[in-house]
């Protein structure tokens, strides 16, 4: 049984490598075609090829980001994780991202999203700004908001005890954000536990 599992994992690793190589070949092919189109004056067609290459590069980037999805915090299990890269047309939203969902098997779920570029990549900055306004309304039941520090990165934590929900956001560098949202949670401590398992320095150095 152990040999069977090891063989399955090895096969999946090989399949992933082959797929990545195939996408890389597509990127090179599109850029080569774009160069040829430019030399013949077909600029709009060249742009199409470049945009396609960018979309594929974003797919590769998003796939790499899956490596930074941490293990589930205590009492939770990883339900799913996925990556998504988008083309130039959707770059305003974000160029690449990886997400994951964790569940305690009952009523609580935690969603993690790591985004690069566009509005999503700057989401943590907006969250920090929003926390200032949220703080003004804490007496009216808007929940608690505070600044936190994890691995040398400043984040914004919000928690609403009445709704048993909260969020934790970090801006890593100029274009990458990490957002953690929890529902059915007793406190924001579980969000902090997950955040501490993320290799933020690795994200900052590689994206």
N, C-alpha and C. Protein backbone atom coordinates (compact mmCIF):
# COMPACT_ATOMS: atom_id res chain seq x y z
N UNK A 1 0.84 -1.21 0.00
CA UNK A 1 0.00 0.00 0.00
C UNK A 1 0.87 1.25 0.00
N UNK A 2 1.96 1.20 0.82
CA UNK A 2 2.86 2.34 0.89
C UNK A 2 3.52 2.60 -0.45
N UNK A 3 3.92 1.51 -1.13
CA UNK A 3 4.55 1.65 -2.45
C UNK A 3 3.57 2.23 -3.46
N UNK A 4 2.29 1.81 -3.36
CA UNK A 4 1.26 2.31 -4.27
C UNK A 4 1.07 3.81 -4.09
N UNK A 5 1.01 4.28 -2.83
CA UNK A 5 0.84 5.71 -2.55
C UNK A 5 2.04 6.52 -3.04
N UNK A 6 3.23 5.98 -2.79
CA UNK A 6 4.45 6.66 -3.24
C UNK A 6 4.48 6.78 -4.75
N UNK A 7 4.07 5.70 -5.42
CA UNK A 7 4.03 5.71 -6.88
C UNK A 7 3.03 6.71 -7.41
N UNK A 8 1.89 6.82 -6.73
CA UNK A 8 0.85 7.76 -7.16
C UNK A 8 1.33 9.19 -7.02
N UNK A 9 1.97 9.51 -5.89
CA UNK A 9 2.49 10.86 -5.67
C UNK A 9 3.54 11.19 -6.72
N UNK A 10 4.42 10.24 -7.00
CA UNK A 10 5.49 10.45 -8.00
C UNK A 10 4.89 10.70 -9.38
N UNK A 11 3.84 9.95 -9.72
CA UNK A 11 3.17 10.11 -11.01
C UNK A 11 2.54 11.48 -11.14
N UNK A 12 1.94 11.96 -10.04
CA UNK A 12 1.31 13.28 -10.05
C UNK A 12 2.34 14.38 -10.22
N UNK A 13 3.51 14.20 -9.57
CA UNK A 13 4.59 15.19 -9.71
C UNK A 13 5.09 15.25 -11.14
N UNK A 14 5.23 14.10 -11.78
CA UNK A 14 5.69 14.05 -13.17
C UNK A 14 4.66 14.70 -14.08
N UNK A 15 3.38 14.40 -13.85
CA UNK A 15 2.31 14.97 -14.67
C UNK A 15 2.30 16.49 -14.55
N UNK A 16 2.50 17.00 -13.32
CA UNK A 16 2.53 18.45 -13.11
C UNK A 16 3.69 19.10 -13.83
N UNK A 17 4.84 18.44 -13.80
CA UNK A 17 6.03 18.97 -14.48
C UNK A 17 5.84 19.01 -15.99
N UNK A 18 5.28 17.93 -16.54
CA UNK A 18 5.03 17.86 -17.98
C UNK A 18 4.05 18.95 -18.41
N UNK A 19 3.00 19.16 -17.59
CA UNK A 19 2.01 20.19 -17.91
C UNK A 19 2.65 21.57 -17.91
N UNK A 20 3.50 21.85 -16.91
CA UNK A 20 4.17 23.15 -16.83
C UNK A 20 5.07 23.37 -18.04
N UNK A 21 5.78 22.33 -18.45
CA UNK A 21 6.65 22.43 -19.62
C UNK A 21 5.84 22.72 -20.87
N UNK A 22 4.65 22.10 -20.96
CA UNK A 22 3.78 22.32 -22.11
C UNK A 22 3.33 23.78 -22.18
N UNK A 23 2.97 24.37 -21.01
CA UNK A 23 2.54 25.77 -20.98
C UNK A 23 3.71 26.68 -21.33
N UNK A 24 4.89 26.35 -20.84
CA UNK A 24 6.08 27.15 -21.17
C UNK A 24 6.33 27.16 -22.68
N UNK A 25 6.13 26.01 -23.31
CA UNK A 25 6.31 25.92 -24.77
C UNK A 25 5.28 26.77 -25.50
N UNK A 26 4.05 26.82 -24.95
CA UNK A 26 3.01 27.67 -25.54
C UNK A 26 3.40 29.14 -25.46
N UNK A 27 3.95 29.53 -24.32
CA UNK A 27 4.38 30.92 -24.12
C UNK A 27 5.45 31.29 -25.14
N UNK A 28 6.46 30.44 -25.25
CA UNK A 28 7.55 30.70 -26.20
C UNK A 28 7.03 30.75 -27.63
N UNK A 29 6.11 29.84 -27.95
CA UNK A 29 5.54 29.82 -29.29
C UNK A 29 4.78 31.09 -29.62
N UNK A 30 3.98 31.58 -28.66
CA UNK A 30 3.20 32.80 -28.89
C UNK A 30 4.11 34.02 -29.03
N UNK A 31 5.16 34.09 -28.21
CA UNK A 31 6.07 35.23 -28.30
C UNK A 31 6.86 35.20 -29.60
N UNK A 32 7.20 34.01 -30.07
CA UNK A 32 7.90 33.88 -31.35
C UNK A 32 6.99 34.34 -32.50
N UNK A 33 5.73 33.92 -32.43
CA UNK A 33 4.75 34.33 -33.44
C UNK A 33 4.54 35.83 -33.41
N UNK A 34 4.48 36.40 -32.19
CA UNK A 34 4.30 37.85 -32.05
C UNK A 34 5.45 38.60 -32.70
N UNK A 35 6.66 38.11 -32.50
CA UNK A 35 7.84 38.75 -33.11
C UNK A 35 7.75 38.74 -34.63
N UNK A 36 7.29 37.62 -35.18
CA UNK A 36 7.14 37.51 -36.62
C UNK A 36 6.06 38.46 -37.14
N UNK A 37 4.97 38.58 -36.38
CA UNK A 37 3.88 39.47 -36.78
C UNK A 37 4.31 40.93 -36.74
N UNK A 38 5.13 41.29 -35.77
CA UNK A 38 5.62 42.66 -35.68
C UNK A 38 6.47 43.00 -36.89
N UNK A 39 7.32 42.07 -37.30
CA UNK A 39 8.21 42.34 -38.44
C UNK A 39 7.44 42.51 -39.75
N UNK A 40 6.21 41.97 -39.79
CA UNK A 40 5.39 42.11 -41.00
C UNK A 40 4.33 43.21 -40.85
N UNK A 41 4.38 43.94 -39.73
CA UNK A 41 3.47 45.06 -39.53
C UNK A 41 2.08 44.70 -39.04
N UNK A 42 1.87 43.46 -38.63
CA UNK A 42 0.54 43.03 -38.15
C UNK A 42 0.50 43.19 -36.61
N UNK A 43 0.43 44.44 -36.21
CA UNK A 43 0.58 44.76 -34.80
C UNK A 43 -0.57 44.28 -33.92
N UNK A 44 -1.80 44.39 -34.40
CA UNK A 44 -2.95 43.96 -33.59
C UNK A 44 -2.91 42.45 -33.35
N UNK A 45 -2.49 41.72 -34.37
CA UNK A 45 -2.36 40.27 -34.22
C UNK A 45 -1.23 39.94 -33.26
N UNK A 46 -0.16 40.74 -33.32
CA UNK A 46 0.97 40.53 -32.41
C UNK A 46 0.52 40.75 -30.96
N UNK A 47 -0.32 41.77 -30.74
CA UNK A 47 -0.83 42.04 -29.39
C UNK A 47 -1.64 40.86 -28.87
N UNK A 48 -2.44 40.24 -29.74
CA UNK A 48 -3.23 39.08 -29.35
C UNK A 48 -2.32 37.95 -28.86
N UNK A 49 -1.24 37.73 -29.59
CA UNK A 49 -0.31 36.66 -29.21
C UNK A 49 0.39 36.99 -27.88
N UNK A 50 0.76 38.27 -27.71
CA UNK A 50 1.42 38.68 -26.47
C UNK A 50 0.47 38.54 -25.28
N UNK A 51 -0.79 38.93 -25.47
CA UNK A 51 -1.78 38.80 -24.40
C UNK A 51 -1.99 37.34 -24.02
N UNK A 52 -1.99 36.47 -25.04
CA UNK A 52 -2.15 35.03 -24.77
C UNK A 52 -0.95 34.52 -23.97
N UNK A 53 0.25 34.96 -24.35
CA UNK A 53 1.45 34.56 -23.63
C UNK A 53 1.41 35.04 -22.18
N UNK A 54 0.94 36.28 -21.97
CA UNK A 54 0.82 36.82 -20.62
C UNK A 54 -0.16 36.00 -19.78
N UNK A 55 -1.28 35.61 -20.39
CA UNK A 55 -2.27 34.80 -19.68
C UNK A 55 -1.66 33.47 -19.24
N UNK A 56 -0.88 32.88 -20.11
CA UNK A 56 -0.24 31.60 -19.78
C UNK A 56 0.83 31.76 -18.71
N UNK A 57 1.56 32.86 -18.76
CA UNK A 57 2.57 33.14 -17.73
C UNK A 57 1.88 33.32 -16.38
N UNK A 58 0.72 33.98 -16.39
CA UNK A 58 -0.04 34.15 -15.15
C UNK A 58 -0.51 32.80 -14.60
N UNK A 59 -0.86 31.87 -15.51
CA UNK A 59 -1.26 30.54 -15.07
C UNK A 59 -0.10 29.84 -14.37
N UNK A 60 1.09 29.97 -14.94
CA UNK A 60 2.28 29.37 -14.33
C UNK A 60 2.57 29.99 -12.96
N UNK A 61 2.41 31.32 -12.89
CA UNK A 61 2.64 32.02 -11.63
C UNK A 61 1.65 31.56 -10.56
N UNK A 62 0.38 31.45 -10.96
CA UNK A 62 -0.65 31.01 -10.02
C UNK A 62 -0.38 29.59 -9.53
N UNK A 63 0.08 28.73 -10.42
CA UNK A 63 0.39 27.36 -10.04
C UNK A 63 1.52 27.32 -9.02
N UNK A 64 2.51 28.20 -9.19
CA UNK A 64 3.62 28.28 -8.24
C UNK A 64 3.13 28.75 -6.87
N UNK A 65 2.10 29.59 -6.87
CA UNK A 65 1.59 30.13 -5.61
C UNK A 65 0.93 29.07 -4.74
N UNK A 66 0.51 27.96 -5.34
CA UNK A 66 -0.10 26.90 -4.56
C UNK A 66 0.86 26.34 -3.51
N UNK A 67 2.16 26.50 -3.77
CA UNK A 67 3.17 26.02 -2.82
C UNK A 67 3.08 26.77 -1.49
N UNK A 68 2.46 27.95 -1.51
CA UNK A 68 2.40 28.77 -0.31
C UNK A 68 1.08 28.62 0.45
N UNK A 69 0.25 27.69 0.01
CA UNK A 69 -0.96 27.38 0.77
C UNK A 69 -0.54 26.53 1.97
N UNK A 70 -0.77 27.00 3.19
CA UNK A 70 -0.29 26.27 4.37
C UNK A 70 -1.20 25.11 4.77
N UNK A 71 -0.69 24.28 5.65
CA UNK A 71 -1.49 23.19 6.20
C UNK A 71 -2.62 23.78 7.04
N UNK A 72 -3.64 22.99 7.25
CA UNK A 72 -4.81 23.45 8.01
C UNK A 72 -4.44 23.70 9.47
N UNK A 73 -5.05 24.71 10.07
CA UNK A 73 -4.81 24.95 11.51
C UNK A 73 -5.44 23.84 12.33
N UNK A 74 -5.07 23.77 13.59
CA UNK A 74 -5.56 22.71 14.46
C UNK A 74 -7.09 22.71 14.54
N UNK A 75 -7.67 21.53 14.34
CA UNK A 75 -9.12 21.40 14.40
C UNK A 75 -9.80 21.57 13.06
N UNK A 76 -9.03 21.89 12.03
CA UNK A 76 -9.58 22.10 10.69
C UNK A 76 -8.91 21.17 9.69
N UNK A 77 -9.56 21.01 8.54
CA UNK A 77 -9.00 20.21 7.45
C UNK A 77 -9.07 21.03 6.17
N UNK A 78 -8.08 20.84 5.30
CA UNK A 78 -8.06 21.51 4.01
C UNK A 78 -9.11 20.86 3.11
N UNK A 79 -10.10 21.64 2.67
CA UNK A 79 -11.18 21.12 1.83
C UNK A 79 -10.77 21.14 0.36
N UNK A 80 -10.22 22.26 -0.09
CA UNK A 80 -9.77 22.36 -1.47
C UNK A 80 -8.80 23.53 -1.62
N UNK A 81 -8.03 23.48 -2.68
CA UNK A 81 -7.17 24.59 -3.04
C UNK A 81 -7.09 24.66 -4.55
N UNK A 82 -6.95 25.88 -5.08
CA UNK A 82 -6.90 26.05 -6.52
C UNK A 82 -6.13 27.31 -6.89
N UNK A 83 -5.68 27.34 -8.13
CA UNK A 83 -4.96 28.51 -8.62
C UNK A 83 -5.68 29.06 -9.84
N UNK A 84 -5.48 30.35 -10.12
CA UNK A 84 -6.10 30.97 -11.28
C UNK A 84 -5.25 32.10 -11.80
N UNK A 85 -4.94 32.05 -13.07
CA UNK A 85 -4.23 33.13 -13.74
C UNK A 85 -5.14 33.75 -14.77
N UNK A 86 -5.07 35.06 -14.93
CA UNK A 86 -5.94 35.75 -15.89
C UNK A 86 -5.10 36.53 -16.88
N UNK A 87 -5.74 36.89 -17.99
CA UNK A 87 -5.05 37.64 -19.03
C UNK A 87 -5.05 39.13 -18.80
N UNK A 88 -4.53 39.85 -19.77
CA UNK A 88 -4.40 41.30 -19.64
C UNK A 88 -5.76 41.98 -19.50
N UNK A 89 -6.79 41.41 -20.12
CA UNK A 89 -8.12 42.02 -20.10
C UNK A 89 -8.69 42.09 -18.69
N UNK A 90 -8.27 41.16 -17.82
CA UNK A 90 -8.78 41.14 -16.45
C UNK A 90 -7.74 41.57 -15.44
N UNK A 91 -6.69 42.18 -15.91
CA UNK A 91 -5.57 42.55 -15.03
C UNK A 91 -5.97 43.53 -13.94
N UNK A 92 -7.05 44.28 -14.15
CA UNK A 92 -7.49 45.24 -13.13
C UNK A 92 -7.90 44.50 -11.86
N UNK A 93 -8.47 43.31 -12.03
CA UNK A 93 -8.89 42.52 -10.87
C UNK A 93 -7.69 41.87 -10.20
N UNK A 94 -6.78 41.34 -11.00
CA UNK A 94 -5.61 40.65 -10.48
C UNK A 94 -5.06 39.73 -11.55
N UNK A 95 -3.76 39.55 -11.58
CA UNK A 95 -3.17 38.76 -12.65
C UNK A 95 -3.03 37.28 -12.29
N UNK A 96 -2.88 36.96 -11.02
CA UNK A 96 -2.72 35.56 -10.62
C UNK A 96 -3.11 35.42 -9.16
N UNK A 97 -3.57 34.23 -8.82
CA UNK A 97 -3.95 34.02 -7.43
C UNK A 97 -4.07 32.55 -7.08
N UNK A 98 -4.03 32.28 -5.79
CA UNK A 98 -4.24 30.93 -5.26
C UNK A 98 -5.17 31.05 -4.07
N UNK A 99 -6.07 30.10 -3.94
CA UNK A 99 -7.03 30.16 -2.85
C UNK A 99 -7.20 28.78 -2.22
N UNK A 100 -7.69 28.77 -1.00
CA UNK A 100 -7.93 27.51 -0.29
C UNK A 100 -9.07 27.70 0.69
N UNK A 101 -9.73 26.60 0.99
CA UNK A 101 -10.79 26.64 2.01
C UNK A 101 -10.55 25.53 3.03
N UNK A 102 -10.76 25.88 4.29
CA UNK A 102 -10.59 24.95 5.39
C UNK A 102 -11.92 24.84 6.14
N UNK A 103 -12.18 23.69 6.73
CA UNK A 103 -13.42 23.49 7.48
C UNK A 103 -13.16 22.66 8.73
N UNK A 104 -13.95 22.95 9.77
CA UNK A 104 -13.85 22.15 10.99
C UNK A 104 -14.80 20.96 10.94
N UNK A 105 -15.49 20.80 9.80
CA UNK A 105 -16.41 19.69 9.64
C UNK A 105 -17.78 19.92 10.23
N UNK A 106 -17.98 21.11 10.81
CA UNK A 106 -19.27 21.41 11.43
C UNK A 106 -19.83 22.72 10.88
N UNK A 107 -19.56 23.82 11.59
CA UNK A 107 -20.17 25.10 11.20
C UNK A 107 -19.16 26.17 10.82
N UNK A 108 -17.89 25.88 10.97
CA UNK A 108 -16.88 26.92 10.74
C UNK A 108 -16.06 26.66 9.47
N UNK A 109 -15.84 27.72 8.71
CA UNK A 109 -15.00 27.64 7.52
C UNK A 109 -14.02 28.81 7.49
N UNK A 110 -12.88 28.60 6.89
CA UNK A 110 -11.87 29.64 6.71
C UNK A 110 -11.47 29.67 5.24
N UNK A 111 -11.49 30.84 4.64
CA UNK A 111 -11.11 31.00 3.24
C UNK A 111 -9.82 31.82 3.17
N UNK A 112 -8.88 31.32 2.40
CA UNK A 112 -7.60 32.00 2.20
C UNK A 112 -7.44 32.35 0.74
N UNK A 113 -7.01 33.58 0.48
CA UNK A 113 -6.77 34.02 -0.89
C UNK A 113 -5.45 34.79 -0.96
N UNK A 114 -4.59 34.38 -1.88
CA UNK A 114 -3.33 35.07 -2.15
C UNK A 114 -3.42 35.62 -3.57
N UNK A 115 -3.32 36.93 -3.72
CA UNK A 115 -3.51 37.56 -5.03
C UNK A 115 -2.34 38.45 -5.40
N UNK A 116 -2.00 38.43 -6.68
CA UNK A 116 -0.93 39.27 -7.21
C UNK A 116 -1.49 40.20 -8.27
N UNK A 117 -1.14 41.48 -8.17
CA UNK A 117 -1.50 42.44 -9.21
C UNK A 117 -2.95 42.90 -9.13
N UNK A 118 -3.24 43.96 -9.89
CA UNK A 118 -4.60 44.49 -9.97
C UNK A 118 -5.13 44.97 -8.63
N UNK A 119 -6.46 45.09 -8.57
CA UNK A 119 -7.11 45.55 -7.35
C UNK A 119 -6.95 44.54 -6.22
N UNK A 120 -7.03 43.24 -6.57
CA UNK A 120 -6.94 42.20 -5.54
C UNK A 120 -5.58 42.22 -4.85
N UNK A 121 -4.53 42.48 -5.62
CA UNK A 121 -3.20 42.50 -5.06
C UNK A 121 -2.96 43.64 -4.10
N UNK A 122 -3.83 44.66 -4.13
CA UNK A 122 -3.71 45.80 -3.23
C UNK A 122 -4.83 45.82 -2.20
N UNK A 123 -5.57 44.71 -2.11
CA UNK A 123 -6.74 44.65 -1.23
C UNK A 123 -6.40 44.91 0.23
N UNK A 124 -5.25 44.43 0.66
CA UNK A 124 -4.89 44.62 2.08
C UNK A 124 -4.74 46.09 2.41
N UNK A 125 -4.25 46.89 1.46
CA UNK A 125 -4.12 48.32 1.69
C UNK A 125 -5.47 48.98 1.87
N UNK A 126 -6.45 48.54 1.07
CA UNK A 126 -7.81 49.07 1.21
C UNK A 126 -8.41 48.64 2.54
N UNK A 127 -8.09 47.41 2.97
CA UNK A 127 -8.63 46.91 4.24
C UNK A 127 -8.11 47.73 5.40
N UNK A 128 -6.84 48.10 5.33
CA UNK A 128 -6.26 48.91 6.41
C UNK A 128 -6.94 50.27 6.48
N UNK A 129 -7.24 50.85 5.32
CA UNK A 129 -7.95 52.13 5.29
C UNK A 129 -9.36 51.97 5.84
N UNK A 130 -10.02 50.88 5.44
CA UNK A 130 -11.37 50.64 5.91
C UNK A 130 -11.44 50.41 7.40
N UNK A 131 -10.37 49.86 7.98
CA UNK A 131 -10.36 49.58 9.41
C UNK A 131 -10.45 50.86 10.23
N UNK A 132 -9.93 51.97 9.68
CA UNK A 132 -10.00 53.23 10.41
C UNK A 132 -11.45 53.68 10.56
N UNK A 133 -12.23 53.48 9.49
CA UNK A 133 -13.64 53.85 9.55
C UNK A 133 -14.42 52.86 10.40
N UNK A 134 -14.02 51.58 10.33
CA UNK A 134 -14.70 50.56 11.13
C UNK A 134 -14.50 50.83 12.62
N UNK A 135 -13.31 51.30 12.96
CA UNK A 135 -13.01 51.58 14.36
C UNK A 135 -13.93 52.64 14.92
N UNK A 136 -14.31 53.59 14.07
CA UNK A 136 -15.20 54.67 14.51
C UNK A 136 -16.59 54.14 14.83
N UNK A 137 -16.94 53.02 14.21
CA UNK A 137 -18.28 52.49 14.42
C UNK A 137 -18.33 51.25 15.28
N UNK A 138 -17.28 50.99 16.03
CA UNK A 138 -17.25 49.78 16.84
C UNK A 138 -18.34 49.77 17.91
N UNK A 139 -18.68 50.92 18.44
CA UNK A 139 -19.71 50.97 19.47
C UNK A 139 -21.08 50.63 18.92
N UNK A 140 -21.23 50.72 17.59
CA UNK A 140 -22.54 50.46 16.99
C UNK A 140 -22.65 49.02 16.51
N UNK A 141 -21.70 48.15 16.92
CA UNK A 141 -21.79 46.73 16.58
C UNK A 141 -21.07 46.35 15.31
N UNK A 142 -20.19 47.18 14.84
CA UNK A 142 -19.47 46.88 13.59
C UNK A 142 -18.37 45.86 13.81
N UNK A 143 -18.05 45.55 15.09
CA UNK A 143 -16.99 44.60 15.37
C UNK A 143 -15.71 45.31 15.74
N UNK A 144 -14.72 44.52 16.11
CA UNK A 144 -13.44 45.06 16.54
C UNK A 144 -12.42 45.01 15.40
N UNK A 145 -11.57 46.01 15.33
CA UNK A 145 -10.55 46.06 14.29
C UNK A 145 -9.24 46.51 14.92
N UNK A 146 -8.14 45.87 14.52
CA UNK A 146 -6.84 46.25 15.07
C UNK A 146 -5.72 45.87 14.10
N UNK A 147 -4.57 46.47 14.30
CA UNK A 147 -3.38 46.15 13.51
C UNK A 147 -2.63 45.02 14.20
N UNK A 148 -2.12 44.07 13.40
CA UNK A 148 -1.36 42.95 13.95
C UNK A 148 -0.06 42.80 13.17
N UNK A 149 0.84 42.02 13.73
CA UNK A 149 2.16 41.83 13.10
C UNK A 149 2.48 40.34 13.06
N UNK A 150 2.77 39.83 11.86
CA UNK A 150 3.12 38.42 11.68
C UNK A 150 4.34 38.34 10.76
N UNK A 151 5.39 37.70 11.21
CA UNK A 151 6.61 37.50 10.41
C UNK A 151 7.18 38.82 9.86
N UNK A 152 6.98 39.89 10.60
CA UNK A 152 7.49 41.18 10.17
C UNK A 152 6.58 41.94 9.23
N UNK A 153 5.39 41.42 8.98
CA UNK A 153 4.43 42.08 8.08
C UNK A 153 3.21 42.55 8.89
N UNK A 154 2.79 43.76 8.61
CA UNK A 154 1.65 44.33 9.33
C UNK A 154 0.35 43.97 8.63
N UNK A 155 -0.62 43.53 9.40
CA UNK A 155 -1.91 43.17 8.85
C UNK A 155 -3.04 43.85 9.57
N UNK A 156 -4.23 43.74 9.02
CA UNK A 156 -5.44 44.31 9.62
C UNK A 156 -6.37 43.17 10.01
N UNK A 157 -6.70 43.11 11.29
CA UNK A 157 -7.58 42.06 11.80
C UNK A 157 -8.93 42.66 12.19
N UNK A 158 -10.00 42.04 11.75
CA UNK A 158 -11.34 42.45 12.18
C UNK A 158 -12.05 41.23 12.73
N UNK A 159 -12.89 41.46 13.75
CA UNK A 159 -13.66 40.36 14.32
C UNK A 159 -14.98 40.87 14.85
N UNK A 160 -16.05 40.16 14.51
CA UNK A 160 -17.39 40.50 14.98
C UNK A 160 -17.90 39.34 15.82
N UNK A 161 -17.91 39.53 17.13
CA UNK A 161 -18.30 38.46 18.05
C UNK A 161 -19.75 38.05 17.86
N UNK A 162 -20.61 39.00 17.56
CA UNK A 162 -22.03 38.70 17.39
C UNK A 162 -22.27 37.80 16.18
N UNK A 163 -21.53 38.07 15.11
CA UNK A 163 -21.70 37.28 13.89
C UNK A 163 -20.73 36.10 13.79
N UNK A 164 -19.81 36.04 14.76
CA UNK A 164 -18.80 34.98 14.77
C UNK A 164 -18.04 34.92 13.44
N UNK A 165 -17.63 36.08 12.99
CA UNK A 165 -16.91 36.16 11.71
C UNK A 165 -15.76 37.16 11.84
N UNK A 166 -14.75 36.98 11.00
CA UNK A 166 -13.63 37.89 11.04
C UNK A 166 -12.77 37.77 9.81
N UNK A 167 -11.81 38.67 9.69
CA UNK A 167 -10.90 38.64 8.54
C UNK A 167 -9.53 39.12 8.97
N UNK A 168 -8.55 38.73 8.18
CA UNK A 168 -7.17 39.11 8.43
C UNK A 168 -6.53 39.35 7.07
N UNK A 169 -5.97 40.55 6.86
CA UNK A 169 -5.39 40.90 5.57
C UNK A 169 -3.97 41.43 5.74
N UNK A 170 -3.11 41.04 4.80
CA UNK A 170 -1.73 41.50 4.79
C UNK A 170 -1.35 41.98 3.40
N UNK A 171 -0.65 43.08 3.34
CA UNK A 171 -0.07 43.56 2.09
C UNK A 171 1.39 43.15 2.09
N UNK A 172 1.78 42.32 1.12
CA UNK A 172 3.16 41.84 1.03
C UNK A 172 3.80 42.48 -0.19
N UNK A 173 4.68 43.43 0.04
CA UNK A 173 5.25 44.17 -1.08
C UNK A 173 4.22 45.11 -1.68
N UNK A 174 4.46 45.53 -2.91
CA UNK A 174 3.58 46.51 -3.55
C UNK A 174 2.37 45.89 -4.24
N UNK A 175 2.45 44.61 -4.59
CA UNK A 175 1.39 44.06 -5.44
C UNK A 175 0.79 42.74 -4.99
N UNK A 176 1.14 42.26 -3.82
CA UNK A 176 0.61 40.98 -3.37
C UNK A 176 -0.14 41.14 -2.05
N UNK A 177 -1.30 40.52 -1.98
CA UNK A 177 -2.09 40.57 -0.74
C UNK A 177 -2.47 39.17 -0.30
N UNK A 178 -2.59 39.01 1.00
CA UNK A 178 -3.05 37.77 1.60
C UNK A 178 -4.30 38.10 2.41
N UNK A 179 -5.40 37.42 2.11
CA UNK A 179 -6.66 37.67 2.80
C UNK A 179 -7.18 36.37 3.39
N UNK A 180 -7.49 36.40 4.67
CA UNK A 180 -8.04 35.24 5.36
C UNK A 180 -9.38 35.65 5.96
N UNK A 181 -10.42 34.90 5.67
CA UNK A 181 -11.75 35.20 6.19
C UNK A 181 -12.33 33.98 6.87
N UNK A 182 -12.91 34.18 8.04
CA UNK A 182 -13.48 33.07 8.79
C UNK A 182 -14.93 33.31 9.16
N UNK A 183 -15.71 32.26 9.14
CA UNK A 183 -17.10 32.30 9.59
C UNK A 183 -17.32 31.18 10.60
N UNK A 184 -18.18 31.44 11.56
CA UNK A 184 -18.44 30.45 12.59
C UNK A 184 -17.26 30.26 13.51
N UNK A 185 -16.49 31.33 13.74
CA UNK A 185 -15.29 31.24 14.58
C UNK A 185 -15.53 31.94 15.92
N UNK A 186 -14.90 31.40 16.98
CA UNK A 186 -15.09 31.97 18.31
C UNK A 186 -14.26 33.22 18.52
N UNK A 187 -13.12 33.30 17.80
CA UNK A 187 -12.25 34.48 17.91
C UNK A 187 -11.39 34.53 16.65
N UNK A 188 -10.61 35.60 16.56
CA UNK A 188 -9.73 35.75 15.40
C UNK A 188 -8.42 34.98 15.58
N UNK A 189 -8.27 34.32 16.71
CA UNK A 189 -7.03 33.58 16.97
C UNK A 189 -6.77 32.51 15.93
N UNK A 190 -7.81 31.85 15.46
CA UNK A 190 -7.65 30.79 14.48
C UNK A 190 -7.14 31.34 13.14
N UNK A 191 -7.52 32.58 12.84
CA UNK A 191 -7.04 33.23 11.62
C UNK A 191 -5.55 33.53 11.75
N UNK A 192 -5.15 33.98 12.93
CA UNK A 192 -3.74 34.26 13.19
C UNK A 192 -2.92 32.98 13.12
N UNK A 193 -3.49 31.89 13.61
CA UNK A 193 -2.79 30.61 13.57
C UNK A 193 -2.49 30.20 12.13
N UNK A 194 -3.46 30.39 11.24
CA UNK A 194 -3.27 30.07 9.83
C UNK A 194 -2.24 31.00 9.20
N UNK A 195 -2.33 32.30 9.53
CA UNK A 195 -1.41 33.29 8.96
C UNK A 195 0.04 32.97 9.30
N UNK A 196 0.27 32.47 10.51
CA UNK A 196 1.63 32.16 10.94
C UNK A 196 2.23 30.99 10.17
N UNK A 197 1.38 30.22 9.50
CA UNK A 197 1.86 29.09 8.72
C UNK A 197 2.19 29.44 7.28
N UNK A 198 1.93 30.69 6.88
CA UNK A 198 2.19 31.13 5.51
C UNK A 198 3.61 31.68 5.40
N UNK A 199 4.33 31.25 4.39
CA UNK A 199 5.69 31.73 4.17
C UNK A 199 5.64 33.09 3.46
N UNK A 200 5.39 34.13 4.25
CA UNK A 200 5.23 35.46 3.67
C UNK A 200 6.52 35.99 3.05
N UNK A 201 7.66 35.68 3.67
CA UNK A 201 8.94 36.11 3.12
C UNK A 201 9.18 35.46 1.77
N UNK A 202 8.80 34.19 1.66
CA UNK A 202 8.94 33.48 0.39
C UNK A 202 8.08 34.09 -0.69
N UNK A 203 6.86 34.47 -0.34
CA UNK A 203 5.96 35.13 -1.29
C UNK A 203 6.56 36.46 -1.74
N UNK A 204 7.08 37.22 -0.77
CA UNK A 204 7.65 38.53 -1.07
C UNK A 204 8.87 38.41 -1.97
N UNK A 205 9.67 37.37 -1.77
CA UNK A 205 10.90 37.21 -2.54
C UNK A 205 10.66 36.66 -3.94
N UNK A 206 9.58 35.93 -4.12
CA UNK A 206 9.38 35.23 -5.39
C UNK A 206 8.29 35.80 -6.30
N UNK A 207 7.49 36.75 -5.77
CA UNK A 207 6.40 37.28 -6.61
C UNK A 207 6.40 38.80 -6.60
